[in-house]
Amino acid sequence: MAGMNPTQIFQLMGTWQKFTANHPKFPKFLKAVAQEGIKKNTIIEVNITTPEGRTYCSNLKITQEDLDLFEQMKQMSP
């Protein structure tokens, strides 16, 4: 969030509140993941299904470098 001014941060917070109101299960999912913690060698998988029925799937295995980046991002957040 470095380089964002307070107005941008408030706009982002408002947008996030609308998103979570539209998708109330997603914050609960994130909270459960945060409680467990993401550790080295955790696999994150994402599936996308278009309205036409096409599917896309990708995954990644978390490395120590990824964890270092996550920690840096946490320290930057207000």
PDB file of N, CA and C in Angstrom:
ATOM      1  N   MET A   1       0.805  -1.187   0.000  1.00  0.00           N
ATOM      2  CA  MET A   1       0.000   0.000   0.000  1.00  0.00           C
ATOM      3  C   MET A   1       0.853   1.258   0.000  1.00  0.00           C
ATOM      4  N   ALA A   2       2.161   1.092  -0.096  1.00  0.00           N
ATOM      5  CA  ALA A   2       3.040   2.250  -0.138  1.00  0.00           C
ATOM      6  C   ALA A   2       2.670   3.124  -1.319  1.00  0.00           C
ATOM      7  N   GLY A   3       2.692   4.429  -1.104  1.00  0.00           N
ATOM      8  CA  GLY A   3       2.401   5.353  -2.184  1.00  0.00           C
ATOM      9  C   GLY A   3       0.920   5.669  -2.344  1.00  0.00           C
ATOM     10  N   MET A   4       0.057   4.999  -1.583  1.00  0.00           N
ATOM     11  CA  MET A   4      -1.373   5.294  -1.677  1.00  0.00           C
ATOM     12  C   MET A   4      -1.687   6.454  -0.740  1.00  0.00           C
ATOM     13  N   ASN A   5      -2.493   7.383  -1.219  1.00  0.00           N
ATOM     14  CA  ASN A   5      -2.886   8.479  -0.337  1.00  0.00           C
ATOM     15  C   ASN A   5      -4.118   8.062   0.461  1.00  0.00           C
ATOM     16  N   PRO A   6      -4.434   8.817   1.522  1.00  0.00           N
ATOM     17  CA  PRO A   6      -5.570   8.423   2.376  1.00  0.00           C
ATOM     18  C   PRO A   6      -6.891   8.293   1.616  1.00  0.00           C
ATOM     19  N   THR A   7      -7.124   9.127   0.631  1.00  0.00           N
ATOM     20  CA  THR A   7      -8.367   9.035  -0.147  1.00  0.00           C
ATOM     21  C   THR A   7      -8.451   7.698  -0.869  1.00  0.00           C
ATOM     22  N   GLN A   8      -7.345   7.271  -1.466  1.00  0.00           N
ATOM     23  CA  GLN A   8      -7.326   5.984  -2.168  1.00  0.00           C
ATOM     24  C   GLN A   8      -7.571   4.835  -1.188  1.00  0.00           C
ATOM     25  N   ILE A   9      -6.988   4.938  -0.002  1.00  0.00           N
ATOM     26  CA  ILE A   9      -7.163   3.880   1.005  1.00  0.00           C
ATOM     27  C   ILE A   9      -8.634   3.799   1.415  1.00  0.00           C
ATOM     28  N   PHE A  10      -9.285   4.956   1.661  1.00  0.00           N
ATOM     29  CA  PHE A  10     -10.704   4.949   2.036  1.00  0.00           C
ATOM     30  C   PHE A  10     -11.574   4.406   0.909  1.00  0.00           C
ATOM     31  N   GLN A  11     -11.240   4.738  -0.342  1.00  0.00           N
ATOM     32  CA  GLN A  11     -12.002   4.210  -1.478  1.00  0.00           C
ATOM     33  C   GLN A  11     -11.855   2.693  -1.544  1.00  0.00           C
ATOM     34  N   LEU A  12     -10.639   2.202  -1.343  1.00  0.00           N
ATOM     35  CA  LEU A  12     -10.396   0.761  -1.357  1.00  0.00           C
ATOM     36  C   LEU A  12     -11.165   0.079  -0.233  1.00  0.00           C
ATOM     37  N   MET A  13     -11.176   0.684   0.943  1.00  0.00           N
ATOM     38  CA  MET A  13     -11.912   0.107   2.070  1.00  0.00           C
ATOM     39  C   MET A  13     -13.407   0.043   1.764  1.00  0.00           C
ATOM     40  N   GLY A  14     -13.951   1.100   1.147  1.00  0.00           N
ATOM     41  CA  GLY A  14     -15.366   1.105   0.777  1.00  0.00           C
ATOM     42  C   GLY A  14     -15.675   0.028  -0.249  1.00  0.00           C
ATOM     43  N   THR A  15     -14.799  -0.124  -1.222  1.00  0.00           N
ATOM     44  CA  THR A  15     -14.981  -1.148  -2.246  1.00  0.00           C
ATOM     45  C   THR A  15     -14.910  -2.537  -1.622  1.00  0.00           C
ATOM     46  N   TRP A  16     -13.981  -2.740  -0.686  1.00  0.00           N
ATOM     47  CA  TRP A  16     -13.847  -4.034  -0.001  1.00  0.00           C
ATOM     48  C   TRP A  16     -15.118  -4.329   0.800  1.00  0.00           C
ATOM     49  N   GLN A  17     -15.681  -3.323   1.462  1.00  0.00           N
ATOM     50  CA  GLN A  17     -16.915  -3.531   2.227  1.00  0.00           C
ATOM     51  C   GLN A  17     -18.065  -3.955   1.314  1.00  0.00           C
ATOM     52  N   LYS A  18     -18.170  -3.360   0.150  1.00  0.00           N
ATOM     53  CA  LYS A  18     -19.208  -3.759  -0.814  1.00  0.00           C
ATOM     54  C   LYS A  18     -18.974  -5.187  -1.287  1.00  0.00           C
ATOM     55  N   PHE A  19     -17.703  -5.520  -1.574  1.00  0.00           N
ATOM     56  CA  PHE A  19     -17.357  -6.869  -2.028  1.00  0.00           C
ATOM     57  C   PHE A  19     -17.753  -7.896  -0.974  1.00  0.00           C
ATOM     58  N   THR A  20     -17.393  -7.635   0.289  1.00  0.00           N
ATOM     59  CA  THR A  20     -17.702  -8.605   1.341  1.00  0.00           C
ATOM     60  C   THR A  20     -19.203  -8.693   1.611  1.00  0.00           C
ATOM     61  N   ALA A  21     -19.941  -7.602   1.388  1.00  0.00           N
ATOM     62  CA  ALA A  21     -21.402  -7.658   1.523  1.00  0.00           C
ATOM     63  C   ALA A  21     -21.998  -8.533   0.426  1.00  0.00           C
ATOM     64  N   ASN A  22     -21.430  -8.464  -0.768  1.00  0.00           N
ATOM     65  CA  ASN A  22     -21.913  -9.284  -1.888  1.00  0.00           C
ATOM     66  C   ASN A  22     -21.469 -10.742  -1.772  1.00  0.00           C
ATOM     67  N   HIS A  23     -20.367 -10.993  -1.088  1.00  0.00           N
ATOM     68  CA  HIS A  23     -19.787 -12.342  -0.991  1.00  0.00           C
ATOM     69  C   HIS A  23     -19.425 -12.639   0.470  1.00  0.00           C
ATOM     70  N   PRO A  24     -20.420 -12.786   1.352  1.00  0.00           N
ATOM     71  CA  PRO A  24     -20.145 -12.900   2.789  1.00  0.00           C
ATOM     72  C   PRO A  24     -19.347 -14.136   3.201  1.00  0.00           C
ATOM     73  N   LYS A  25     -19.354 -15.192   2.415  1.00  0.00           N
ATOM     74  CA  LYS A  25     -18.588 -16.395   2.781  1.00  0.00           C
ATOM     75  C   LYS A  25     -17.092 -16.206   2.562  1.00  0.00           C
ATOM     76  N   PHE A  26     -16.714 -15.302   1.658  1.00  0.00           N
ATOM     77  CA  PHE A  26     -15.293 -15.150   1.323  1.00  0.00           C
ATOM     78  C   PHE A  26     -14.468 -14.639   2.508  1.00  0.00           C
ATOM     79  N   PRO A  27     -14.898 -13.608   3.239  1.00  0.00           N
ATOM     80  CA  PRO A  27     -14.110 -13.188   4.405  1.00  0.00           C
ATOM     81  C   PRO A  27     -13.988 -14.290   5.462  1.00  0.00           C
ATOM     82  N   LYS A  28     -15.046 -15.090   5.622  1.00  0.00           N
ATOM     83  CA  LYS A  28     -14.983 -16.215   6.570  1.00  0.00           C
ATOM     84  C   LYS A  28     -13.935 -17.231   6.123  1.00  0.00           C
ATOM     85  N   PHE A  29     -13.875 -17.473   4.820  1.00  0.00           N
ATOM     86  CA  PHE A  29     -12.871 -18.363   4.253  1.00  0.00           C
ATOM     87  C   PHE A  29     -11.466 -17.814   4.540  1.00  0.00           C
ATOM     88  N   LEU A  30     -11.269 -16.517   4.267  1.00  0.00           N
ATOM     89  CA  LEU A  30      -9.961 -15.906   4.513  1.00  0.00           C
ATOM     90  C   LEU A  30      -9.578 -15.973   5.991  1.00  0.00           C
ATOM     91  N   LYS A  31     -10.551 -15.759   6.868  1.00  0.00           N
ATOM     92  CA  LYS A  31     -10.280 -15.821   8.307  1.00  0.00           C
ATOM     93  C   LYS A  31      -9.850 -17.231   8.720  1.00  0.00           C
ATOM     94  N   ALA A  32     -10.525 -18.249   8.184  1.00  0.00           N
ATOM     95  CA  ALA A  32     -10.171 -19.633   8.501  1.00  0.00           C
ATOM     96  C   ALA A  32      -8.762 -19.951   8.022  1.00  0.00           C
ATOM     97  N   VAL A  33      -8.426 -19.486   6.823  1.00  0.00           N
ATOM     98  CA  VAL A  33      -7.079 -19.715   6.290  1.00  0.00           C
ATOM     99  C   VAL A  33      -6.052 -18.997   7.155  1.00  0.00           C
ATOM    100  N   ALA A  34      -6.356 -17.766   7.566  1.00  0.00           N
ATOM    101  CA  ALA A  34      -5.424 -16.997   8.385  1.00  0.00           C
ATOM    102  C   ALA A  34      -5.204 -17.668   9.736  1.00  0.00           C
ATOM    103  N   GLN A  35      -6.253 -18.255  10.309  1.00  0.00           N
ATOM    104  CA  GLN A  35      -6.110 -18.942  11.593  1.00  0.00           C
ATOM    105  C   GLN A  35      -5.194 -20.153  11.463  1.00  0.00           C
ATOM    106  N   GLU A  36      -5.321 -20.881  10.378  1.00  0.00           N
ATOM    107  CA  GLU A  36      -4.462 -22.047  10.131  1.00  0.00           C
ATOM    108  C   GLU A  36      -3.056 -21.588   9.795  1.00  0.00           C
ATOM    109  N   GLY A  37      -2.972 -20.511   9.028  1.00  0.00           N
ATOM    110  CA  GLY A  37      -1.673 -19.994   8.612  1.00  0.00           C
ATOM    111  C   GLY A  37      -1.237 -20.614   7.298  1.00  0.00           C
ATOM    112  N   ILE A  38      -0.576 -19.816   6.500  1.00  0.00           N
ATOM    113  CA  ILE A  38      -0.008 -20.321   5.251  1.00  0.00           C
ATOM    114  C   ILE A  38       1.463 -20.567   5.516  1.00  0.00           C
ATOM    115  N   LYS A  39       1.858 -21.798   5.321  1.00  0.00           N
ATOM    116  CA  LYS A  39       3.229 -22.209   5.606  1.00  0.00           C
ATOM    117  C   LYS A  39       3.936 -22.589   4.304  1.00  0.00           C
ATOM    118  N   LYS A  40       5.242 -22.710   4.383  1.00  0.00           N
ATOM    119  CA  LYS A  40       6.020 -23.171   3.235  1.00  0.00           C
ATOM    120  C   LYS A  40       5.451 -24.509   2.761  1.00  0.00           C
ATOM    121  N   ASN A  41       5.388 -24.679   1.461  1.00  0.00           N
ATOM    122  CA  ASN A  41       4.873 -25.879   0.782  1.00  0.00           C
ATOM    123  C   ASN A  41       3.344 -25.991   0.796  1.00  0.00           C
ATOM    124  N   THR A  42       2.648 -24.969   1.296  1.00  0.00           N
ATOM    125  CA  THR A  42       1.193 -24.919   1.159  1.00  0.00           C
ATOM    126  C   THR A  42       0.887 -24.760  -0.329  1.00  0.00           C
ATOM    127  N   ILE A  43      -0.127 -25.445  -0.801  1.00  0.00           N
ATOM    128  CA  ILE A  43      -0.529 -25.316  -2.203  1.00  0.00           C
ATOM    129  C   ILE A  43      -1.814 -24.500  -2.267  1.00  0.00           C
ATOM    130  N   ILE A  44      -1.783 -23.456  -3.083  1.00  0.00           N
ATOM    131  CA  ILE A  44      -2.960 -22.619  -3.317  1.00  0.00           C
ATOM    132  C   ILE A  44      -3.433 -22.904  -4.733  1.00  0.00           C
ATOM    133  N   GLU A  45      -4.719 -23.229  -4.857  1.00  0.00           N
ATOM    134  CA  GLU A  45      -5.277 -23.548  -6.165  1.00  0.00           C
ATOM    135  C   GLU A  45      -6.439 -22.604  -6.458  1.00  0.00           C
ATOM    136  N   VAL A  46      -6.513 -22.158  -7.689  1.00  0.00           N
ATOM    137  CA  VAL A  46      -7.583 -21.261  -8.117  1.00  0.00           C
ATOM    138  C   VAL A  46      -8.277 -21.883  -9.317  1.00  0.00           C
ATOM    139  N   ASN A  47      -9.612 -21.939  -9.255  1.00  0.00           N
ATOM    140  CA  ASN A  47     -10.431 -22.421 -10.372  1.00  0.00           C
ATOM    141  C   ASN A  47     -11.344 -21.295 -10.825  1.00  0.00           C
ATOM    142  N   ILE A  48     -11.410 -21.091 -12.118  1.00  0.00           N
ATOM    143  CA  ILE A  48     -12.294 -20.084 -12.706  1.00  0.00           C
ATOM    144  C   ILE A  48     -13.194 -20.800 -13.709  1.00  0.00           C
ATOM    145  N   THR A  49     -14.501 -20.559 -13.609  1.00  0.00           N
ATOM    146  CA  THR A  49     -15.454 -21.083 -14.585  1.00  0.00           C
ATOM    147  C   THR A  49     -16.184 -19.892 -15.189  1.00  0.00           C
ATOM    148  N   THR A  50     -16.091 -19.743 -16.498  1.00  0.00           N
ATOM    149  CA  THR A  50     -16.749 -18.632 -17.181  1.00  0.00           C
ATOM    150  C   THR A  50     -18.241 -18.929 -17.310  1.00  0.00           C
ATOM    151  N   PRO A  51     -19.048 -17.906 -17.593  1.00  0.00           N
ATOM    152  CA  PRO A  51     -20.478 -18.153 -17.801  1.00  0.00           C
ATOM    153  C   PRO A  51     -20.732 -19.133 -18.946  1.00  0.00           C
ATOM    154  N   GLU A  52     -19.784 -19.223 -19.888  1.00  0.00           N
ATOM    155  CA  GLU A  52     -19.934 -20.154 -21.020  1.00  0.00           C
ATOM    156  C   GLU A  52     -19.522 -21.583 -20.663  1.00  0.00           C
ATOM    157  N   GLY A  53     -19.023 -21.788 -19.441  1.00  0.00           N
ATOM    158  CA  GLY A  53     -18.663 -23.124 -18.999  1.00  0.00           C
ATOM    159  C   GLY A  53     -17.198 -23.489 -19.177  1.00  0.00           C
ATOM    160  N   ARG A  54     -16.375 -22.589 -19.708  1.00  0.00           N
ATOM    161  CA  ARG A  54     -14.937 -22.875 -19.804  1.00  0.00           C
ATOM    162  C   ARG A  54     -14.324 -22.790 -18.413  1.00  0.00           C
ATOM    163  N   THR A  55     -13.397 -23.685 -18.129  1.00  0.00           N
ATOM    164  CA  THR A  55     -12.742 -23.666 -16.819  1.00  0.00           C
ATOM    165  C   THR A  55     -11.244 -23.480 -16.972  1.00  0.00           C
ATOM    166  N   TYR A  56     -10.702 -22.774 -16.016  1.00  0.00           N
ATOM    167  CA  TYR A  56      -9.265 -22.538 -15.938  1.00  0.00           C
ATOM    168  C   TYR A  56      -8.850 -22.871 -14.516  1.00  0.00           C
ATOM    169  N   CYS A  57      -7.723 -23.551 -14.378  1.00  0.00           N
ATOM    170  CA  CYS A  57      -7.244 -23.944 -13.066  1.00  0.00           C
ATOM    171  C   CYS A  57      -5.736 -23.735 -13.007  1.00  0.00           C
ATOM    172  N   SER A  58      -5.274 -23.203 -11.903  1.00  0.00           N
ATOM    173  CA  SER A  58      -3.838 -23.039 -11.693  1.00  0.00           C
ATOM    174  C   SER A  58      -3.558 -23.219 -10.208  1.00  0.00           C
ATOM    175  N   ASN A  59      -2.340 -23.620  -9.909  1.00  0.00           N
ATOM    176  CA  ASN A  59      -1.958 -23.716  -8.507  1.00  0.00           C
ATOM    177  C   ASN A  59      -0.504 -23.308  -8.343  1.00  0.00           C
ATOM    178  N   LEU A  60      -0.157 -23.018  -7.111  1.00  0.00           N
ATOM    179  CA  LEU A  60       1.229 -22.692  -6.806  1.00  0.00           C
ATOM    180  C   LEU A  60       1.570 -23.227  -5.427  1.00  0.00           C
ATOM    181  N   LYS A  61       2.830 -23.595  -5.266  1.00  0.00           N
ATOM    182  CA  LYS A  61       3.321 -24.053  -3.977  1.00  0.00           C
ATOM    183  C   LYS A  61       4.075 -22.903  -3.343  1.00  0.00           C
ATOM    184  N   ILE A  62       3.703 -22.556  -2.119  1.00  0.00           N
ATOM    185  CA  ILE A  62       4.280 -21.412  -1.429  1.00  0.00           C
ATOM    186  C   ILE A  62       5.737 -21.704  -1.053  1.00  0.00           C
ATOM    187  N   THR A  63       6.601 -20.737  -1.368  1.00  0.00           N
ATOM    188  CA  THR A  63       8.024 -20.828  -1.042  1.00  0.00           C
ATOM    189  C   THR A  63       8.343 -19.898   0.126  1.00  0.00           C
ATOM    190  N   GLN A  64       9.542 -20.008   0.644  1.00  0.00           N
ATOM    191  CA  GLN A  64       9.974 -19.099   1.706  1.00  0.00           C
ATOM    192  C   GLN A  64       9.980 -17.656   1.207  1.00  0.00           C
ATOM    193  N   GLU A  65      10.350 -17.465  -0.054  1.00  0.00           N
ATOM    194  CA  GLU A  65      10.345 -16.116  -0.626  1.00  0.00           C
ATOM    195  C   GLU A  65       8.931 -15.532  -0.647  1.00  0.00           C
ATOM    196  N   ASP A  66       7.936 -16.365  -0.935  1.00  0.00           N
ATOM    197  CA  ASP A  66       6.546 -15.918  -0.906  1.00  0.00           C
ATOM    198  C   ASP A  66       6.159 -15.485   0.510  1.00  0.00           C
ATOM    199  N   LEU A  67       6.554 -16.286   1.505  1.00  0.00           N
ATOM    200  CA  LEU A  67       6.242 -15.955   2.892  1.00  0.00           C
ATOM    201  C   LEU A  67       6.906 -14.639   3.291  1.00  0.00           C
ATOM    202  N   ASP A  68       8.132 -14.418   2.820  1.00  0.00           N
ATOM    203  CA  ASP A  68       8.824 -13.166   3.102  1.00  0.00           C
ATOM    204  C   ASP A  68       8.051 -11.985   2.506  1.00  0.00           C
ATOM    205  N   LEU A  69       7.548 -12.154   1.286  1.00  0.00           N
ATOM    206  CA  LEU A  69       6.755 -11.103   0.640  1.00  0.00           C
ATOM    207  C   LEU A  69       5.480 -10.838   1.436  1.00  0.00           C
ATOM    208  N   PHE A  70       4.781 -11.887   1.872  1.00  0.00           N
ATOM    209  CA  PHE A  70       3.559 -11.727   2.657  1.00  0.00           C
ATOM    210  C   PHE A  70       3.849 -10.932   3.929  1.00  0.00           C
ATOM    211  N   GLU A  71       4.980 -11.240   4.569  1.00  0.00           N
ATOM    212  CA  GLU A  71       5.344 -10.536   5.802  1.00  0.00           C
ATOM    213  C   GLU A  71       5.616  -9.062   5.529  1.00  0.00           C
ATOM    214  N   GLN A  72       6.301  -8.765   4.442  1.00  0.00           N
ATOM    215  CA  GLN A  72       6.556  -7.370   4.074  1.00  0.00           C
ATOM    216  C   GLN A  72       5.249  -6.639   3.820  1.00  0.00           C
ATOM    217  N   MET A  73       4.298  -7.293   3.153  1.00  0.00           N
ATOM    218  CA  MET A  73       3.005  -6.678   2.867  1.00  0.00           C
ATOM    219  C   MET A  73       2.240  -6.409   4.150  1.00  0.00           C
ATOM    220  N   LYS A  74       2.307  -7.332   5.117  1.00  0.00           N
ATOM    221  CA  LYS A  74       1.626  -7.148   6.399  1.00  0.00           C
ATOM    222  C   LYS A  74       2.184  -5.917   7.117  1.00  0.00           C
ATOM    223  N   GLN A  75       3.482  -5.737   7.053  1.00  0.00           N
ATOM    224  CA  GLN A  75       4.113  -4.612   7.752  1.00  0.00           C
ATOM    225  C   GLN A  75       3.752  -3.284   7.104  1.00  0.00           C
ATOM    226  N   MET A  76       3.402  -3.289   5.813  1.00  0.00           N
ATOM    227  CA  MET A  76       3.054  -2.064   5.101  1.00  0.00           C
ATOM    228  C   MET A  76       1.604  -1.661   5.330  1.00  0.00           C
ATOM    229  N   SER A  77       0.752  -2.595   5.738  1.00  0.00           N
ATOM    230  CA  SER A  77      -0.667  -2.265   5.895  1.00  0.00           C
ATOM    231  C   SER A  77      -0.888  -1.463   7.172  1.00  0.00           C
ATOM    232  N   PRO A  78      -1.876  -0.558   7.149  1.00  0.00           N
ATOM    233  CA  PRO A  78      -2.122   0.310   8.307  1.00  0.00           C
ATOM    234  C   PRO A  78      -2.660  -0.443   9.497  1.00  0.00           C
TER     235      PRO A  78
END
